[in-house]
Structure formats: C-alpha cells, structure tokens
Amino acid sequence: MFRSGFVLATDEHIAAAIHNKTEVTVWMEGGVIEAQTDFAVKINRDWHPEQFDDVRVCEFRVM
C-alpha cells in the first residue's frame, strides 16, 4: 500500500495502484485507476497520457 502523496513514477507503481484500487490524483482530477496501456492511464472513464517522447507528462499521486 502507498502513503498519501506518493508519486506513481513507474509502470510497476501504476500496476500496483490498479491492483489495490488506490485513489490517485492526476492534474486536478482524482479517482481510481481503471486501466493502463503503454501510453496512458484511465481514471474515471477518461484517458490521461503517461508519457510523450520519453518524458512523463502527468504526475500520478496517491490521495
């Protein structure tokens, strides 16, 4: 389990958050991560890009 404020910085972190149904924030939106691809993460039925040209464009934090 992650502590509040923990940054999900790797694919493994995100996969663990999905498995544990961890509440996270992305930009100003919060929710449970529902799915993940190589390029994006789905939260509250909306897809958020994970990386762009090897630079992470979103920061996912545990609520």
N, C-alpha and C. Protein backbone atom coordinates (compact mmCIF):
# COMPACT_ATOMS: atom_id res chain seq x y z
N MET A 1 0.84 -1.17 0.00
CA MET A 1 0.00 0.00 0.00
C MET A 1 0.89 1.25 0.00
N PHE A 2 0.47 2.27 -0.73
CA PHE A 2 1.23 3.51 -0.83
C PHE A 2 0.71 4.53 0.18
N ARG A 3 1.59 5.42 0.61
CA ARG A 3 1.21 6.51 1.50
C ARG A 3 0.68 7.67 0.69
N SER A 4 -0.13 8.49 1.31
CA SER A 4 -0.67 9.68 0.67
C SER A 4 0.47 10.57 0.17
N GLY A 5 0.35 11.05 -1.07
CA GLY A 5 1.37 11.91 -1.66
C GLY A 5 2.43 11.16 -2.44
N PHE A 6 2.46 9.83 -2.34
CA PHE A 6 3.45 9.03 -3.06
C PHE A 6 3.26 9.22 -4.56
N VAL A 7 4.35 9.47 -5.30
CA VAL A 7 4.28 9.64 -6.75
C VAL A 7 4.42 8.28 -7.41
N LEU A 8 3.46 7.94 -8.24
CA LEU A 8 3.50 6.69 -9.01
C LEU A 8 4.36 6.95 -10.23
N ALA A 9 5.65 6.67 -10.12
CA ALA A 9 6.62 7.07 -11.13
C ALA A 9 6.98 5.99 -12.14
N THR A 10 6.54 4.76 -11.90
CA THR A 10 6.91 3.68 -12.82
C THR A 10 5.65 2.91 -13.23
N ASP A 11 5.78 2.15 -14.29
CA ASP A 11 4.67 1.29 -14.71
C ASP A 11 4.30 0.30 -13.61
N GLU A 12 5.29 -0.17 -12.87
CA GLU A 12 5.04 -1.11 -11.79
C GLU A 12 4.23 -0.46 -10.67
N HIS A 13 4.54 0.80 -10.34
CA HIS A 13 3.76 1.53 -9.33
C HIS A 13 2.31 1.64 -9.78
N ILE A 14 2.10 2.01 -11.05
CA ILE A 14 0.75 2.17 -11.57
C ILE A 14 0.01 0.83 -11.57
N ALA A 15 0.69 -0.23 -11.96
CA ALA A 15 0.07 -1.55 -11.95
C ALA A 15 -0.35 -1.94 -10.53
N ALA A 16 0.49 -1.64 -9.54
CA ALA A 16 0.16 -1.95 -8.15
C ALA A 16 -1.03 -1.12 -7.68
N ALA A 17 -1.09 0.14 -8.10
CA ALA A 17 -2.22 1.01 -7.73
C ALA A 17 -3.51 0.48 -8.35
N ILE A 18 -3.44 -0.02 -9.58
CA ILE A 18 -4.62 -0.62 -10.22
C ILE A 18 -5.06 -1.84 -9.42
N HIS A 19 -4.12 -2.70 -9.11
CA HIS A 19 -4.42 -3.93 -8.36
C HIS A 19 -5.08 -3.62 -7.01
N ASN A 20 -4.55 -2.61 -6.32
CA ASN A 20 -5.04 -2.25 -4.98
C ASN A 20 -6.21 -1.28 -5.00
N LYS A 21 -6.62 -0.83 -6.22
CA LYS A 21 -7.70 0.15 -6.36
C LYS A 21 -7.40 1.41 -5.53
N THR A 22 -6.15 1.87 -5.63
CA THR A 22 -5.68 3.03 -4.89
C THR A 22 -6.23 4.31 -5.49
N GLU A 23 -6.75 5.20 -4.66
CA GLU A 23 -7.22 6.50 -5.11
C GLU A 23 -6.00 7.36 -5.43
N VAL A 24 -6.02 7.99 -6.62
CA VAL A 24 -4.90 8.82 -7.04
C VAL A 24 -5.41 10.14 -7.59
N THR A 25 -4.52 11.10 -7.73
CA THR A 25 -4.83 12.35 -8.42
C THR A 25 -3.95 12.45 -9.65
N VAL A 26 -4.49 13.06 -10.67
CA VAL A 26 -3.75 13.38 -11.89
C VAL A 26 -4.22 14.76 -12.30
N TRP A 27 -3.29 15.65 -12.52
CA TRP A 27 -3.64 17.06 -12.72
C TRP A 27 -4.52 17.48 -11.56
N MET A 28 -5.76 17.88 -11.82
CA MET A 28 -6.66 18.29 -10.74
C MET A 28 -7.80 17.29 -10.57
N GLU A 29 -7.68 16.12 -11.16
CA GLU A 29 -8.74 15.13 -11.11
C GLU A 29 -8.31 13.96 -10.24
N GLY A 30 -9.25 13.39 -9.52
CA GLY A 30 -8.95 12.23 -8.70
C GLY A 30 -9.86 11.08 -9.02
N GLY A 31 -9.46 9.91 -8.61
CA GLY A 31 -10.27 8.72 -8.84
C GLY A 31 -9.42 7.48 -8.72
N VAL A 32 -10.01 6.35 -9.08
CA VAL A 32 -9.31 5.07 -9.05
C VAL A 32 -8.81 4.76 -10.45
N ILE A 33 -7.57 4.32 -10.59
CA ILE A 33 -7.04 3.93 -11.88
C ILE A 33 -7.79 2.67 -12.32
N GLU A 34 -8.40 2.74 -13.50
CA GLU A 34 -9.20 1.63 -14.01
C GLU A 34 -8.43 0.75 -14.99
N ALA A 35 -7.48 1.33 -15.72
CA ALA A 35 -6.75 0.57 -16.74
C ALA A 35 -5.47 1.31 -17.09
N GLN A 36 -4.58 0.60 -17.80
CA GLN A 36 -3.29 1.17 -18.19
C GLN A 36 -2.89 0.57 -19.53
N THR A 37 -2.32 1.41 -20.41
CA THR A 37 -1.69 0.93 -21.63
C THR A 37 -0.24 1.38 -21.59
N ASP A 38 0.49 1.15 -22.66
CA ASP A 38 1.88 1.61 -22.72
C ASP A 38 1.94 3.14 -22.76
N PHE A 39 0.82 3.80 -23.07
CA PHE A 39 0.85 5.24 -23.30
C PHE A 39 -0.05 6.06 -22.40
N ALA A 40 -1.02 5.44 -21.75
CA ALA A 40 -1.99 6.22 -20.99
C ALA A 40 -2.54 5.42 -19.81
N VAL A 41 -3.20 6.15 -18.90
CA VAL A 41 -3.86 5.57 -17.75
C VAL A 41 -5.30 6.06 -17.76
N LYS A 42 -6.25 5.16 -17.47
CA LYS A 42 -7.67 5.50 -17.46
C LYS A 42 -8.14 5.71 -16.03
N ILE A 43 -8.68 6.92 -15.77
CA ILE A 43 -9.22 7.28 -14.46
C ILE A 43 -10.60 7.90 -14.69
N ASN A 44 -11.61 7.41 -13.99
CA ASN A 44 -12.98 7.92 -14.14
C ASN A 44 -13.42 7.94 -15.60
N ARG A 45 -13.14 6.86 -16.32
CA ARG A 45 -13.52 6.68 -17.72
C ARG A 45 -12.81 7.64 -18.67
N ASP A 46 -11.82 8.40 -18.21
CA ASP A 46 -11.05 9.31 -19.07
C ASP A 46 -9.61 8.83 -19.14
N TRP A 47 -9.03 8.91 -20.34
CA TRP A 47 -7.64 8.51 -20.54
C TRP A 47 -6.71 9.70 -20.35
N HIS A 48 -5.61 9.50 -19.63
CA HIS A 48 -4.61 10.54 -19.38
C HIS A 48 -3.26 10.03 -19.88
N PRO A 49 -2.56 10.82 -20.70
CA PRO A 49 -1.27 10.36 -21.22
C PRO A 49 -0.27 10.15 -20.10
N GLU A 50 0.51 9.09 -20.27
CA GLU A 50 1.53 8.76 -19.27
C GLU A 50 2.87 9.38 -19.64
N GLN A 51 3.21 9.31 -20.91
CA GLN A 51 4.50 9.82 -21.39
C GLN A 51 4.33 10.41 -22.78
N PHE A 52 5.26 11.28 -23.15
CA PHE A 52 5.32 11.81 -24.50
C PHE A 52 6.79 11.97 -24.84
N ASP A 53 7.27 11.26 -25.85
CA ASP A 53 8.69 11.30 -26.24
C ASP A 53 9.59 11.03 -25.04
N ASP A 54 9.26 9.96 -24.30
CA ASP A 54 10.04 9.52 -23.13
C ASP A 54 10.07 10.53 -21.99
N VAL A 55 9.17 11.51 -21.99
CA VAL A 55 9.06 12.45 -20.88
C VAL A 55 7.67 12.27 -20.28
N ARG A 56 7.63 12.01 -19.00
CA ARG A 56 6.33 11.82 -18.34
C ARG A 56 5.61 13.16 -18.30
N VAL A 57 4.40 13.21 -18.88
CA VAL A 57 3.66 14.47 -18.96
C VAL A 57 2.64 14.63 -17.83
N CYS A 58 2.36 13.56 -17.13
CA CYS A 58 1.44 13.62 -15.99
C CYS A 58 2.15 13.09 -14.76
N GLU A 59 1.74 13.60 -13.62
CA GLU A 59 2.23 13.04 -12.38
C GLU A 59 1.03 12.45 -11.66
N PHE A 60 1.14 11.19 -11.29
CA PHE A 60 0.07 10.50 -10.59
C PHE A 60 0.49 10.37 -9.13
N ARG A 61 -0.33 10.91 -8.23
CA ARG A 61 -0.04 10.87 -6.81
C ARG A 61 -1.15 10.15 -6.06
N VAL A 62 -0.77 9.39 -5.04
CA VAL A 62 -1.74 8.74 -4.19
C VAL A 62 -2.44 9.80 -3.34
N MET A 63 -3.76 9.67 -3.24
CA MET A 63 -4.55 10.65 -2.46
C MET A 63 -4.37 10.40 -0.97
